[in-house]
N, C-alpha and C. Protein backbone atom coordinates (compact mmCIF):
# COMPACT_ATOMS: atom_id res chain seq x y z
N UNK A 1 4.61 -46.15 0.83
CA UNK A 1 4.78 -44.54 1.13
C UNK A 1 5.15 -43.74 -0.16
N UNK A 2 4.34 -42.65 0.28
CA UNK A 2 4.44 -41.70 -1.01
C UNK A 2 5.64 -40.85 -0.80
N UNK A 3 6.12 -40.30 -1.83
CA UNK A 3 6.98 -39.14 -1.78
C UNK A 3 6.77 -38.07 -0.81
N UNK A 4 7.60 -37.70 -0.10
CA UNK A 4 7.49 -36.28 1.05
C UNK A 4 6.71 -35.05 0.31
N UNK A 5 5.88 -34.93 0.88
CA UNK A 5 5.24 -33.49 0.29
C UNK A 5 4.18 -33.82 -0.26
N UNK A 6 3.99 -35.30 -0.65
CA UNK A 6 2.64 -35.44 -1.45
C UNK A 6 1.47 -36.00 -1.08
N UNK A 7 1.74 -36.61 0.47
CA UNK A 7 0.72 -37.45 1.19
C UNK A 7 -0.37 -36.37 1.02
N UNK A 8 -1.65 -37.08 1.19
CA UNK A 8 -3.20 -36.27 1.16
C UNK A 8 -3.56 -36.76 2.91
N UNK A 9 -4.01 -35.82 3.96
CA UNK A 9 -3.83 -36.27 5.21
C UNK A 9 -5.73 -36.06 5.28
N UNK A 10 -5.97 -37.27 5.20
CA UNK A 10 -7.60 -37.72 5.10
C UNK A 10 -8.13 -37.86 6.58
N UNK A 11 -8.96 -37.32 7.08
CA UNK A 11 -9.81 -37.18 8.22
C UNK A 11 -10.84 -38.15 8.29
N UNK A 12 -10.51 -39.31 8.93
CA UNK A 12 -11.28 -40.46 8.84
C UNK A 12 -12.74 -40.37 9.96
N UNK A 13 -12.31 -39.54 11.17
CA UNK A 13 -13.43 -39.38 11.96
C UNK A 13 -13.08 -37.93 12.68
N UNK A 14 -14.11 -37.25 12.94
CA UNK A 14 -14.19 -36.14 13.86
C UNK A 14 -15.46 -35.71 14.96
N UNK A 15 -14.97 -35.48 16.12
CA UNK A 15 -15.93 -35.22 17.26
C UNK A 15 -15.62 -34.05 18.11
N UNK A 16 -16.62 -33.32 18.59
CA UNK A 16 -16.28 -32.08 19.23
C UNK A 16 -16.55 -32.71 20.73
N UNK A 17 -15.19 -32.17 21.54
CA UNK A 17 -15.16 -32.73 22.89
C UNK A 17 -15.56 -31.48 23.86
N UNK A 18 -15.21 -30.24 23.26
CA UNK A 18 -15.63 -29.25 24.30
C UNK A 18 -16.22 -27.92 23.55
N UNK A 19 -17.31 -27.38 23.96
CA UNK A 19 -17.79 -26.09 23.33
C UNK A 19 -18.01 -24.98 24.19
N UNK A 20 -17.08 -23.83 24.11
CA UNK A 20 -16.97 -23.01 24.91
C UNK A 20 -17.72 -21.54 24.40
N UNK A 21 -17.35 -20.60 24.95
CA UNK A 21 -18.09 -19.02 24.44
C UNK A 21 -17.29 -18.77 23.39
N UNK A 22 -16.23 -18.99 23.60
CA UNK A 22 -15.17 -18.50 22.15
C UNK A 22 -14.58 -19.26 21.64
N UNK A 23 -14.40 -20.64 22.05
CA UNK A 23 -13.59 -21.90 21.12
C UNK A 23 -14.24 -23.16 21.50
N UNK A 24 -13.95 -24.15 20.59
CA UNK A 24 -14.19 -25.44 20.81
C UNK A 24 -13.24 -26.31 20.68
N UNK A 25 -13.11 -27.43 21.32
CA UNK A 25 -12.06 -28.47 21.26
C UNK A 25 -12.77 -29.63 20.23
N UNK A 26 -11.89 -30.02 18.89
CA UNK A 26 -12.24 -31.25 18.08
C UNK A 26 -11.29 -32.12 18.25
N UNK A 27 -11.60 -33.26 17.96
CA UNK A 27 -10.62 -34.57 17.81
C UNK A 27 -10.87 -34.94 16.58
N UNK A 28 -10.00 -34.77 15.87
CA UNK A 28 -9.83 -35.60 14.50
C UNK A 28 -8.88 -36.68 14.80
N UNK A 29 -9.03 -37.94 13.67
CA UNK A 29 -8.51 -39.02 13.42
C UNK A 29 -7.93 -38.71 12.06
N UNK A 30 -6.65 -38.71 11.93
CA UNK A 30 -6.08 -38.36 10.74
C UNK A 30 -4.97 -39.45 10.12
N UNK A 31 -5.30 -40.02 8.95
CA UNK A 31 -4.39 -40.66 8.37
C UNK A 31 -2.81 -40.04 7.80
N UNK A 32 -1.99 -40.72 8.58
CA UNK A 32 -0.66 -40.31 8.47
C UNK A 32 0.29 -41.04 7.21
N UNK A 33 1.46 -40.74 6.94
CA UNK A 33 1.97 -41.40 5.63
C UNK A 33 2.28 -42.53 6.29
N UNK A 34 2.32 -43.55 5.39
CA UNK A 34 2.38 -44.91 5.76
C UNK A 34 1.11 -45.68 6.50
N UNK A 35 0.11 -45.15 6.48
CA UNK A 35 -1.23 -45.65 6.77
C UNK A 35 -1.54 -45.95 8.10
N UNK A 36 -0.74 -45.34 8.97
CA UNK A 36 -1.22 -44.91 10.44
C UNK A 36 -2.21 -43.98 10.79
N UNK A 37 -3.10 -44.09 11.74
CA UNK A 37 -4.21 -43.20 11.57
C UNK A 37 -3.50 -42.33 13.25
N UNK A 38 -3.73 -40.98 13.48
CA UNK A 38 -3.24 -40.60 14.77
C UNK A 38 -3.98 -39.31 14.83
N UNK A 39 -4.25 -39.29 16.21
CA UNK A 39 -5.34 -38.27 16.86
C UNK A 39 -4.63 -36.96 16.75
N UNK A 40 -5.50 -36.13 16.40
CA UNK A 40 -5.13 -34.75 16.38
C UNK A 40 -6.19 -33.92 17.23
N UNK A 41 -5.68 -32.87 17.95
CA UNK A 41 -6.42 -32.01 18.66
C UNK A 41 -6.50 -30.75 18.47
N UNK A 42 -7.58 -30.10 17.95
CA UNK A 42 -7.63 -28.74 17.21
C UNK A 42 -8.51 -28.06 17.67
N UNK A 43 -8.23 -26.81 18.35
CA UNK A 43 -9.06 -25.81 19.08
C UNK A 43 -9.39 -24.96 17.75
N UNK A 44 -11.16 -24.82 17.69
CA UNK A 44 -11.52 -24.06 16.74
C UNK A 44 -11.86 -22.65 17.46
N UNK A 45 -11.62 -21.74 16.73
CA UNK A 45 -11.53 -20.21 16.75
C UNK A 45 -12.31 -19.58 15.75
N UNK A 46 -13.26 -18.37 16.09
CA UNK A 46 -13.74 -17.63 15.42
C UNK A 46 -12.89 -16.89 14.36
N UNK A 47 -11.88 -16.47 14.78
CA UNK A 47 -10.70 -15.63 14.41
C UNK A 47 -10.74 -14.26 14.60
N UNK A 48 -10.10 -13.40 14.70
CA UNK A 48 -9.79 -12.00 15.25
C UNK A 48 -9.15 -11.06 14.32
N UNK A 49 -9.41 -9.65 14.63
CA UNK A 49 -8.61 -8.84 13.79
C UNK A 49 -7.96 -7.78 15.18
N UNK A 50 -7.10 -6.98 14.35
CA UNK A 50 -6.22 -6.09 15.26
C UNK A 50 -5.72 -5.09 14.26
N UNK A 51 -5.64 -4.16 14.82
CA UNK A 51 -5.43 -2.60 14.13
C UNK A 51 -4.03 -2.08 14.44
N UNK A 52 -3.46 -1.57 13.60
CA UNK A 52 -2.45 -0.56 13.74
C UNK A 52 -2.95 0.80 13.70
N UNK A 53 -3.31 1.54 14.60
CA UNK A 53 -3.62 3.08 14.25
C UNK A 53 -2.59 3.90 14.19
N UNK A 54 -2.59 4.60 13.37
CA UNK A 54 -1.08 5.43 13.12
C UNK A 54 -1.79 7.03 13.25
N UNK A 55 -1.46 7.83 13.97
CA UNK A 55 -1.63 9.15 13.97
C UNK A 55 -0.77 9.97 13.00
N UNK A 56 -1.21 11.39 12.57
CA UNK A 56 -0.42 12.17 11.86
C UNK A 56 0.88 12.13 12.09
N UNK A 57 1.22 12.10 13.52
CA UNK A 57 2.59 12.23 13.70
C UNK A 57 3.64 10.90 13.85
N UNK A 58 2.74 9.94 13.21
CA UNK A 58 3.23 8.77 13.15
C UNK A 58 3.37 7.72 14.49
N UNK A 59 2.66 8.28 15.33
CA UNK A 59 2.65 7.10 16.74
C UNK A 59 1.38 6.25 16.52
N UNK A 60 1.71 5.28 17.42
CA UNK A 60 0.77 4.09 17.31
C UNK A 60 0.18 3.98 18.53
N UNK A 61 -1.05 3.70 18.33
CA UNK A 61 -2.15 3.72 19.66
C UNK A 61 -2.00 2.27 20.11
N UNK A 62 -1.83 2.03 21.13
CA UNK A 62 -1.78 0.72 21.81
C UNK A 62 -2.35 0.56 23.46
N UNK A 63 -2.62 -0.72 23.62
CA UNK A 63 -3.22 -0.73 24.74
C UNK A 63 -2.69 -1.73 25.75
N UNK A 64 -3.04 -1.37 26.98
CA UNK A 64 -2.03 -2.35 27.81
C UNK A 64 -3.60 -2.94 28.91
N UNK A 65 -3.35 -4.10 28.68
CA UNK A 65 -4.65 -5.05 29.29
C UNK A 65 -3.98 -6.22 29.85
N UNK A 66 -4.96 -6.28 30.76
CA UNK A 66 -4.49 -7.74 31.81
C UNK A 66 -5.11 -8.86 31.05
N UNK A 67 -3.98 -9.79 30.87
CA UNK A 67 -4.42 -11.32 30.05
C UNK A 67 -4.21 -12.50 31.28
N UNK A 68 -5.49 -12.88 31.76
CA UNK A 68 -5.31 -13.99 32.81
C UNK A 68 -4.48 -14.98 32.53
N UNK A 69 -4.66 -15.92 31.32
CA UNK A 69 -3.65 -16.77 31.24
C UNK A 69 -2.20 -16.66 31.48
N UNK A 70 -1.19 -15.55 30.95
CA UNK A 70 -0.17 -15.11 31.54
C UNK A 70 0.15 -14.32 32.83
N UNK A 71 -1.24 -13.88 33.41
CA UNK A 71 -1.05 -13.07 34.76
C UNK A 71 -0.51 -11.93 34.76
N UNK A 72 -0.71 -11.30 33.60
CA UNK A 72 -0.17 -9.81 34.02
C UNK A 72 -0.67 -8.99 32.60
N UNK A 73 -0.29 -7.46 32.62
CA UNK A 73 -0.77 -6.60 31.52
C UNK A 73 0.08 -6.75 30.55
N UNK A 74 -0.24 -6.93 29.13
CA UNK A 74 0.41 -6.61 28.22
C UNK A 74 0.07 -5.78 27.24
N UNK A 75 1.32 -5.20 26.55
CA UNK A 75 0.96 -3.96 25.78
C UNK A 75 0.54 -4.41 24.48
N UNK A 76 -0.45 -4.34 23.90
CA UNK A 76 -1.00 -4.83 22.74
C UNK A 76 -1.62 -4.01 21.70
N UNK A 77 -1.82 -4.51 20.24
CA UNK A 77 -2.76 -3.58 19.21
C UNK A 77 -4.41 -3.87 20.07
N UNK A 78 -4.81 -2.72 19.62
CA UNK A 78 -6.55 -2.94 19.83
C UNK A 78 -6.95 -3.89 18.78
N UNK A 79 -7.71 -4.95 19.52
CA UNK A 79 -8.08 -6.16 18.59
C UNK A 79 -9.23 -6.54 19.41
N UNK A 80 -9.56 -7.98 18.66
CA UNK A 80 -10.73 -8.46 19.18
C UNK A 80 -11.24 -9.70 18.31
N UNK A 81 -12.36 -10.30 18.77
CA UNK A 81 -12.82 -11.36 18.01
C UNK A 81 -13.88 -11.25 16.99
N UNK A 82 -13.84 -12.14 15.85
CA UNK A 82 -15.01 -12.04 14.74
C UNK A 82 -16.24 -12.55 15.21
N UNK A 83 -16.73 -11.69 16.24
CA UNK A 83 -18.00 -12.45 16.85
C UNK A 83 -19.10 -11.55 16.89
N UNK A 84 -19.06 -10.57 15.68
CA UNK A 84 -20.33 -9.76 15.47
C UNK A 84 -21.38 -10.18 14.65
N UNK A 85 -21.21 -11.38 14.40
CA UNK A 85 -22.39 -12.14 13.18
C UNK A 85 -21.80 -12.26 12.15
N UNK A 86 -22.95 -13.01 11.39
CA UNK A 86 -22.37 -13.29 9.81
C UNK A 86 -22.43 -12.37 9.03
N UNK A 87 -22.98 -11.08 9.51
CA UNK A 87 -23.39 -9.86 8.59
C UNK A 87 -21.96 -8.79 8.98
N UNK A 88 -21.18 -9.34 10.04
CA UNK A 88 -19.98 -8.10 10.14
C UNK A 88 -18.68 -8.73 9.56
N UNK A 89 -18.29 -7.91 8.57
CA UNK A 89 -17.05 -8.02 7.92
C UNK A 89 -15.88 -7.97 8.77
N UNK A 90 -14.48 -8.66 8.31
CA UNK A 90 -13.25 -8.05 8.99
C UNK A 90 -12.97 -6.79 9.26
N UNK A 91 -13.35 -6.02 8.48
CA UNK A 91 -13.30 -4.31 8.35
C UNK A 91 -14.21 -3.58 9.29
N UNK A 92 -15.33 -4.58 9.61
CA UNK A 92 -16.48 -3.89 10.63
C UNK A 92 -16.02 -4.09 11.56
N UNK A 93 -15.53 -5.30 11.92
CA UNK A 93 -14.88 -5.91 13.22
C UNK A 93 -13.74 -5.15 13.69
N UNK A 94 -12.88 -4.69 12.70
CA UNK A 94 -11.77 -3.90 13.02
C UNK A 94 -12.29 -2.44 13.50
N UNK A 95 -13.06 -1.79 12.50
CA UNK A 95 -13.86 -0.45 13.13
C UNK A 95 -14.02 -0.53 14.65
N UNK A 96 -15.11 -1.81 14.83
CA UNK A 96 -15.96 -1.67 16.30
C UNK A 96 -14.59 -2.03 17.48
N UNK A 97 -13.81 -2.84 16.86
CA UNK A 97 -12.43 -2.62 18.08
C UNK A 97 -11.85 -1.80 18.48
N UNK A 98 -11.79 -0.71 17.40
CA UNK A 98 -10.98 0.24 17.55
C UNK A 98 -11.65 1.47 18.07
N UNK A 99 -12.86 1.47 17.86
CA UNK A 99 -13.82 2.18 18.71
C UNK A 99 -13.93 2.09 20.16
N UNK A 100 -14.37 0.80 20.58
CA UNK A 100 -14.36 0.26 21.65
C UNK A 100 -13.28 0.04 22.47
N UNK A 101 -11.95 0.19 22.17
CA UNK A 101 -11.07 0.04 22.98
C UNK A 101 -10.01 1.63 23.38
N UNK A 102 -10.24 2.09 21.77
CA UNK A 102 -9.46 3.35 22.10
C UNK A 102 -10.27 4.47 21.95
N UNK A 103 -11.70 4.90 21.55
CA UNK A 103 -12.25 5.74 21.35
C UNK A 103 -11.73 6.54 20.05
N UNK A 104 -11.39 5.83 19.14
CA UNK A 104 -10.93 6.35 17.93
C UNK A 104 -11.59 5.88 16.65
N UNK A 105 -11.68 6.63 15.36
CA UNK A 105 -12.37 6.24 14.14
C UNK A 105 -11.07 6.45 13.29
N UNK A 106 -11.11 5.66 12.09
CA UNK A 106 -10.07 6.10 11.16
C UNK A 106 -10.85 6.39 9.87
N UNK A 107 -10.27 7.06 9.13
CA UNK A 107 -10.58 7.04 7.27
C UNK A 107 -10.00 6.19 6.42
N UNK A 108 -8.86 5.74 6.94
CA UNK A 108 -7.80 5.41 5.62
C UNK A 108 -7.64 3.91 6.36
N UNK A 109 -8.08 2.83 5.84
CA UNK A 109 -7.89 1.40 6.31
C UNK A 109 -7.19 0.85 4.98
N UNK A 110 -6.18 -0.23 5.41
CA UNK A 110 -5.69 -1.39 4.54
C UNK A 110 -5.18 -2.41 5.43
N UNK A 111 -5.05 -3.93 4.42
CA UNK A 111 -4.57 -4.65 5.37
C UNK A 111 -2.97 -5.08 5.17
N UNK A 112 -2.36 -5.02 6.70
CA UNK A 112 -1.13 -5.05 6.88
C UNK A 112 -0.58 -6.67 6.58
N UNK A 113 -1.16 -7.36 7.46
CA UNK A 113 -0.52 -9.04 7.35
C UNK A 113 -1.56 -9.70 7.83
N UNK A 114 -1.60 -11.13 7.39
CA UNK A 114 -2.53 -12.29 8.08
C UNK A 114 -1.90 -13.13 8.93
N UNK A 115 -2.10 -13.84 9.82
CA UNK A 115 -1.42 -14.68 10.61
C UNK A 115 -2.15 -15.69 11.08
N UNK A 116 -1.51 -16.77 11.15
CA UNK A 116 -1.98 -18.05 11.59
C UNK A 116 -1.35 -18.17 13.13
N UNK A 117 -2.16 -18.37 14.11
CA UNK A 117 -1.33 -17.69 15.21
C UNK A 117 -0.51 -19.33 15.87
N UNK A 118 -1.05 -20.26 15.82
CA UNK A 118 -0.14 -21.15 16.30
C UNK A 118 -0.91 -22.67 15.57
N UNK A 119 -0.76 -22.77 14.32
CA UNK A 119 -1.29 -23.62 13.73
C UNK A 119 -0.98 -25.40 13.98
N UNK A 120 0.05 -25.27 14.91
CA UNK A 120 0.21 -26.61 15.59
C UNK A 120 -0.93 -27.41 16.29
N UNK A 121 -1.86 -26.52 16.70
CA UNK A 121 -3.14 -26.79 17.36
C UNK A 121 -4.51 -26.10 17.00
N UNK A 122 -4.13 -24.99 16.75
CA UNK A 122 -5.58 -24.14 16.60
C UNK A 122 -5.91 -23.74 14.96
N UNK A 123 -6.99 -23.71 14.51
CA UNK A 123 -7.22 -22.82 13.40
C UNK A 123 -7.21 -21.10 13.49
N UNK A 124 -6.82 -20.90 14.78
CA UNK A 124 -6.71 -19.36 14.60
C UNK A 124 -6.34 -18.47 13.77
N UNK A 125 -6.81 -17.57 13.16
CA UNK A 125 -6.10 -16.57 12.22
C UNK A 125 -6.46 -15.14 12.29
N UNK A 126 -5.65 -14.45 12.42
CA UNK A 126 -5.79 -12.97 12.88
C UNK A 126 -5.08 -12.27 11.46
N UNK A 127 -6.31 -11.08 11.09
CA UNK A 127 -6.13 -10.16 10.11
C UNK A 127 -5.61 -8.65 10.71
N UNK A 128 -4.58 -8.12 10.46
CA UNK A 128 -4.14 -6.98 11.28
C UNK A 128 -4.11 -5.99 10.14
N UNK A 129 -4.90 -5.00 10.57
CA UNK A 129 -5.26 -3.88 9.56
C UNK A 129 -4.31 -2.48 9.91
N UNK A 130 -4.05 -1.60 9.08
CA UNK A 130 -3.35 -0.33 8.88
C UNK A 130 -4.43 0.93 9.01
N UNK A 131 -4.71 1.00 9.94
CA UNK A 131 -5.55 2.48 10.09
C UNK A 131 -4.90 3.85 10.21
N UNK A 132 -5.16 4.91 9.37
CA UNK A 132 -4.59 6.01 9.32
C UNK A 132 -5.78 6.96 9.46
N UNK A 133 -5.50 8.63 9.27
CA UNK A 133 -6.57 9.68 9.32
C UNK A 133 -7.29 9.46 10.65
N UNK A 134 -6.93 9.13 11.81
CA UNK A 134 -7.61 9.24 13.21
C UNK A 134 -8.21 10.27 13.94
N UNK A 135 -9.35 10.15 14.21
CA UNK A 135 -10.08 11.30 14.97
C UNK A 135 -10.86 10.34 15.83
N UNK A 136 -11.08 11.74 17.05
CA UNK A 136 -11.76 10.99 18.20
C UNK A 136 -12.84 10.86 18.42
N UNK A 137 -13.36 10.05 19.06
CA UNK A 137 -15.10 9.50 18.96
C UNK A 137 -15.51 9.48 20.71
N UNK A 138 -16.70 9.44 20.48
CA UNK A 138 -17.33 9.52 22.27
C UNK A 138 -16.72 8.34 22.85
N UNK A 139 -16.81 8.44 23.95
CA UNK A 139 -15.90 7.44 24.86
C UNK A 139 -16.80 6.01 25.00
N UNK A 140 -16.21 4.96 24.67
CA UNK A 140 -17.25 3.44 24.78
C UNK A 140 -17.38 2.95 26.55
N UNK A 141 -18.11 2.48 26.82
CA UNK A 141 -18.50 2.05 27.91
C UNK A 141 -17.44 0.68 27.98
N UNK A 142 -16.96 0.21 28.96
CA UNK A 142 -16.09 -0.88 29.11
C UNK A 142 -16.29 -1.77 30.50
N UNK A 143 -15.96 -3.16 30.31
CA UNK A 143 -16.64 -3.79 31.53
C UNK A 143 -15.39 -5.03 31.42
N UNK A 144 -15.33 -5.60 32.54
CA UNK A 144 -14.55 -6.54 32.83
C UNK A 144 -12.94 -6.07 32.90
N UNK A 145 -12.28 -6.91 31.75
CA UNK A 145 -10.63 -6.52 31.78
C UNK A 145 -10.65 -5.18 31.10
N UNK A 146 -11.56 -4.90 29.99
CA UNK A 146 -11.40 -3.81 29.32
C UNK A 146 -11.86 -2.53 29.95
N UNK A 147 -12.18 -2.42 31.23
CA UNK A 147 -12.42 -1.49 32.19
C UNK A 147 -11.02 -0.87 32.85
N UNK A 148 -10.13 -2.02 32.66
CA UNK A 148 -8.94 -1.39 33.26
C UNK A 148 -7.72 -1.23 32.44
N UNK A 149 -8.36 -1.23 31.17
CA UNK A 149 -7.13 -0.86 29.97
C UNK A 149 -6.99 0.46 29.67
N UNK A 150 -5.54 0.40 29.61
CA UNK A 150 -5.27 2.12 29.22
C UNK A 150 -4.69 1.89 27.58
N UNK A 151 -4.44 3.34 27.26
CA UNK A 151 -4.38 3.54 26.01
C UNK A 151 -3.07 4.21 25.73
N UNK A 152 -2.04 3.89 25.25
CA UNK A 152 -0.46 4.59 25.07
C UNK A 152 -0.10 4.64 24.03
N UNK A 153 0.55 5.77 23.46
CA UNK A 153 0.83 6.43 22.01
C UNK A 153 2.41 6.06 22.11
N UNK A 154 2.84 5.17 20.99
CA UNK A 154 4.42 5.21 20.96
C UNK A 154 4.83 5.41 19.67
N UNK A 155 5.90 6.08 19.60
CA UNK A 155 6.42 5.95 18.19
C UNK A 155 7.05 4.87 17.85
N UNK A 156 6.37 4.32 16.11
CA UNK A 156 6.92 3.07 15.78
C UNK A 156 8.41 2.69 16.25
N UNK A 157 9.37 3.22 16.05
CA UNK A 157 10.94 2.98 16.37
C UNK A 157 10.85 2.69 17.83
N UNK A 158 10.28 3.27 18.47
CA UNK A 158 9.95 3.14 20.22
C UNK A 158 9.27 1.62 20.24
N UNK A 159 8.39 1.50 19.69
CA UNK A 159 7.63 0.17 19.81
C UNK A 159 8.30 -0.84 19.10
N UNK A 160 8.84 -0.81 18.08
CA UNK A 160 9.74 -1.73 17.36
C UNK A 160 10.67 -2.19 18.48
N UNK A 161 11.72 -1.08 19.06
CA UNK A 161 12.54 -1.41 19.91
C UNK A 161 12.40 -2.40 21.20
N UNK A 162 10.89 -1.91 21.50
CA UNK A 162 10.31 -2.55 22.48
C UNK A 162 10.10 -4.27 22.56
N UNK A 163 9.69 -4.33 21.00
CA UNK A 163 9.68 -5.83 20.58
C UNK A 163 11.07 -6.60 20.91
N UNK A 164 12.05 -5.98 20.12
CA UNK A 164 13.42 -6.58 20.59
C UNK A 164 13.77 -6.66 21.84
N UNK A 165 13.40 -5.66 22.69
CA UNK A 165 14.23 -5.80 24.09
C UNK A 165 13.00 -6.82 24.63
N UNK A 166 12.02 -7.61 24.24
CA UNK A 166 11.26 -8.43 25.01
C UNK A 166 9.75 -7.64 25.52
N UNK A 167 9.99 -6.68 25.26
CA UNK A 167 8.83 -5.63 26.40
C UNK A 167 7.38 -5.65 25.83
N UNK A 168 7.62 -5.98 24.20
CA UNK A 168 6.29 -6.08 23.52
C UNK A 168 6.32 -7.60 23.37
N UNK A 169 5.53 -8.55 23.73
CA UNK A 169 5.53 -9.80 23.41
C UNK A 169 4.15 -10.57 22.88
N UNK A 170 3.22 -9.90 22.88
CA UNK A 170 2.04 -10.59 22.17
C UNK A 170 2.17 -10.55 20.54
N UNK A 171 1.89 -11.74 20.01
CA UNK A 171 2.30 -12.07 18.94
C UNK A 171 1.78 -11.22 17.82
N UNK A 172 0.58 -11.27 18.31
CA UNK A 172 -0.33 -10.01 16.55
C UNK A 172 0.40 -8.60 16.83
N UNK A 173 0.60 -8.49 18.18
CA UNK A 173 1.50 -6.95 18.03
C UNK A 173 2.84 -7.12 17.46
N UNK A 174 3.59 -7.98 17.88
CA UNK A 174 4.77 -7.97 17.11
C UNK A 174 4.71 -8.26 15.68
N UNK A 175 3.87 -8.77 15.27
CA UNK A 175 3.88 -8.72 13.51
C UNK A 175 3.39 -7.53 13.18
N UNK A 176 2.29 -7.19 13.64
CA UNK A 176 1.78 -5.44 13.17
C UNK A 176 2.69 -4.64 13.04
N UNK A 177 3.48 -4.55 13.96
CA UNK A 177 4.62 -3.50 14.24
C UNK A 177 5.70 -3.77 13.17
N UNK A 178 6.17 -4.90 13.16
CA UNK A 178 7.16 -5.35 12.26
C UNK A 178 6.55 -5.14 10.92
N UNK A 179 5.13 -5.72 10.66
CA UNK A 179 4.76 -5.19 9.01
C UNK A 179 4.81 -4.02 8.86
N UNK A 180 4.26 -3.13 9.64
CA UNK A 180 4.34 -1.48 9.68
C UNK A 180 5.66 -0.81 9.16
N UNK A 181 7.03 -1.30 9.77
CA UNK A 181 8.03 -0.94 9.82
C UNK A 181 8.57 -1.49 8.50
N UNK A 182 8.27 -2.95 8.00
CA UNK A 182 8.73 -3.45 6.69
C UNK A 182 7.97 -2.72 5.35
N UNK A 183 6.66 -2.26 5.63
CA UNK A 183 5.97 -1.79 4.68
C UNK A 183 6.89 0.04 4.31
N UNK A 184 6.71 0.49 5.65
CA UNK A 184 7.35 1.89 5.24
C UNK A 184 8.88 1.81 4.67
N UNK A 185 9.74 0.79 4.96
CA UNK A 185 11.03 0.66 4.62
C UNK A 185 11.10 0.11 3.36
N UNK A 186 10.28 -0.86 2.91
CA UNK A 186 10.53 -1.37 1.42
C UNK A 186 9.57 -0.65 0.42
N UNK A 187 8.71 -0.02 0.93
CA UNK A 187 7.54 0.86 0.00
C UNK A 187 6.50 -0.06 -0.64
N UNK A 188 6.54 -1.55 -0.17
CA UNK A 188 5.41 -2.28 -0.53
C UNK A 188 4.01 -1.84 0.14
N UNK A 189 3.29 -1.74 -0.86
CA UNK A 189 2.16 -1.32 -0.39
C UNK A 189 1.29 -1.97 0.42
N UNK A 190 0.67 -1.87 1.62
CA UNK A 190 -0.54 -2.90 2.31
C UNK A 190 -1.69 -3.15 1.49
N UNK A 191 -2.12 -4.28 1.58
CA UNK A 191 -3.33 -4.43 0.60
C UNK A 191 -4.62 -3.93 0.93
N UNK A 192 -5.38 -4.05 -0.09
CA UNK A 192 -6.75 -3.29 0.14
C UNK A 192 -7.67 -4.15 1.12
N UNK A 193 -8.73 -3.78 1.60
CA UNK A 193 -9.32 -4.17 2.69
C UNK A 193 -10.12 -5.51 2.62
N UNK A 194 -10.39 -5.32 1.34
CA UNK A 194 -11.23 -6.88 0.43
C UNK A 194 -9.78 -7.61 0.17
N UNK A 195 -8.82 -7.84 0.51
CA UNK A 195 -7.98 -8.41 0.13
C UNK A 195 -8.35 -10.09 0.42
N UNK A 196 -7.93 -11.04 -0.22
CA UNK A 196 -8.49 -12.49 0.14
C UNK A 196 -7.68 -12.64 1.43
N UNK A 197 -8.82 -13.76 2.38
CA UNK A 197 -7.93 -13.90 3.64
C UNK A 197 -8.14 -15.54 3.59
N UNK A 198 -7.27 -15.98 2.84
CA UNK A 198 -7.30 -17.30 2.70
C UNK A 198 -7.36 -18.33 4.10
N UNK A 199 -7.24 -18.03 5.10
CA UNK A 199 -7.13 -18.87 6.29
C UNK A 199 -8.23 -18.31 7.27
N UNK A 200 -8.54 -17.51 7.03
CA UNK A 200 -10.02 -17.13 8.01
C UNK A 200 -10.78 -18.30 8.27
N UNK A 201 -10.92 -18.73 9.94
CA UNK A 201 -11.48 -19.63 10.22
C UNK A 201 -12.77 -19.70 9.92
N UNK A 202 -13.47 -20.88 9.58
CA UNK A 202 -14.76 -21.15 9.40
C UNK A 202 -15.74 -22.22 9.93
N UNK A 203 -14.43 -23.12 10.47
CA UNK A 203 -15.06 -24.57 11.04
C UNK A 203 -16.36 -24.30 12.42
N UNK A 204 -15.87 -23.53 13.25
CA UNK A 204 -16.65 -23.45 14.21
C UNK A 204 -18.05 -22.59 13.76
N UNK A 205 -17.88 -21.59 13.49
CA UNK A 205 -19.20 -20.86 12.89
C UNK A 205 -20.18 -21.80 11.82
N UNK A 206 -19.44 -22.49 11.08
CA UNK A 206 -20.16 -23.17 10.11
C UNK A 206 -21.19 -24.06 11.02
N UNK A 207 -20.48 -24.95 11.86
CA UNK A 207 -20.79 -26.14 12.71
C UNK A 207 -21.83 -25.47 13.55
N UNK A 208 -21.70 -24.41 14.05
CA UNK A 208 -22.72 -23.80 15.07
C UNK A 208 -24.12 -23.28 14.17
N UNK A 209 -24.02 -23.00 12.83
CA UNK A 209 -25.16 -22.76 12.23
C UNK A 209 -25.70 -23.86 11.63
N UNK A 210 -25.44 -24.79 11.55
CA UNK A 210 -25.92 -26.32 10.94
C UNK A 210 -27.06 -26.76 11.90
């Protein structure tokens, strides 16, 4: 037995049990401390971006969207998958999602926070951007759940209060709103848009290209 914190978790075997439109289920056989091999189920995901879009009055653009797994509409940040192809950067994806969901564009972009959504079972990671100096653009065509989506503008303090009251529960929205508040109060500048993203998922996209 090695000292705690020093074991090397070697994957001895791996197979894809399911391949869907936006995720895959991978089964890994991983060596545990002491020599036993344990099965670990990993949901592979292409990753996502989200946007805290703040206007000149300090209001945040949020969207209310139906989420089938929880069976109700949630108040969220504009967000979406990194599914624009290998040539689309995270910033380009964020610009696209902001336009598609809110009919807005932004001149000033920075990175607020990076999240690993639920590392106990998925490699999904989300990069949350801060977008400012907003302008209205031509309306986008929306289908499926997005055709029912509404845009709501909230003062940051009210949005944070809704987080604390349990009225905003989407994890990415919670993190993005609290990160915005923390940046404002601490003076800690958000990162540049090309800041390293250590945990950006690559397993699924790499495997599908092979």
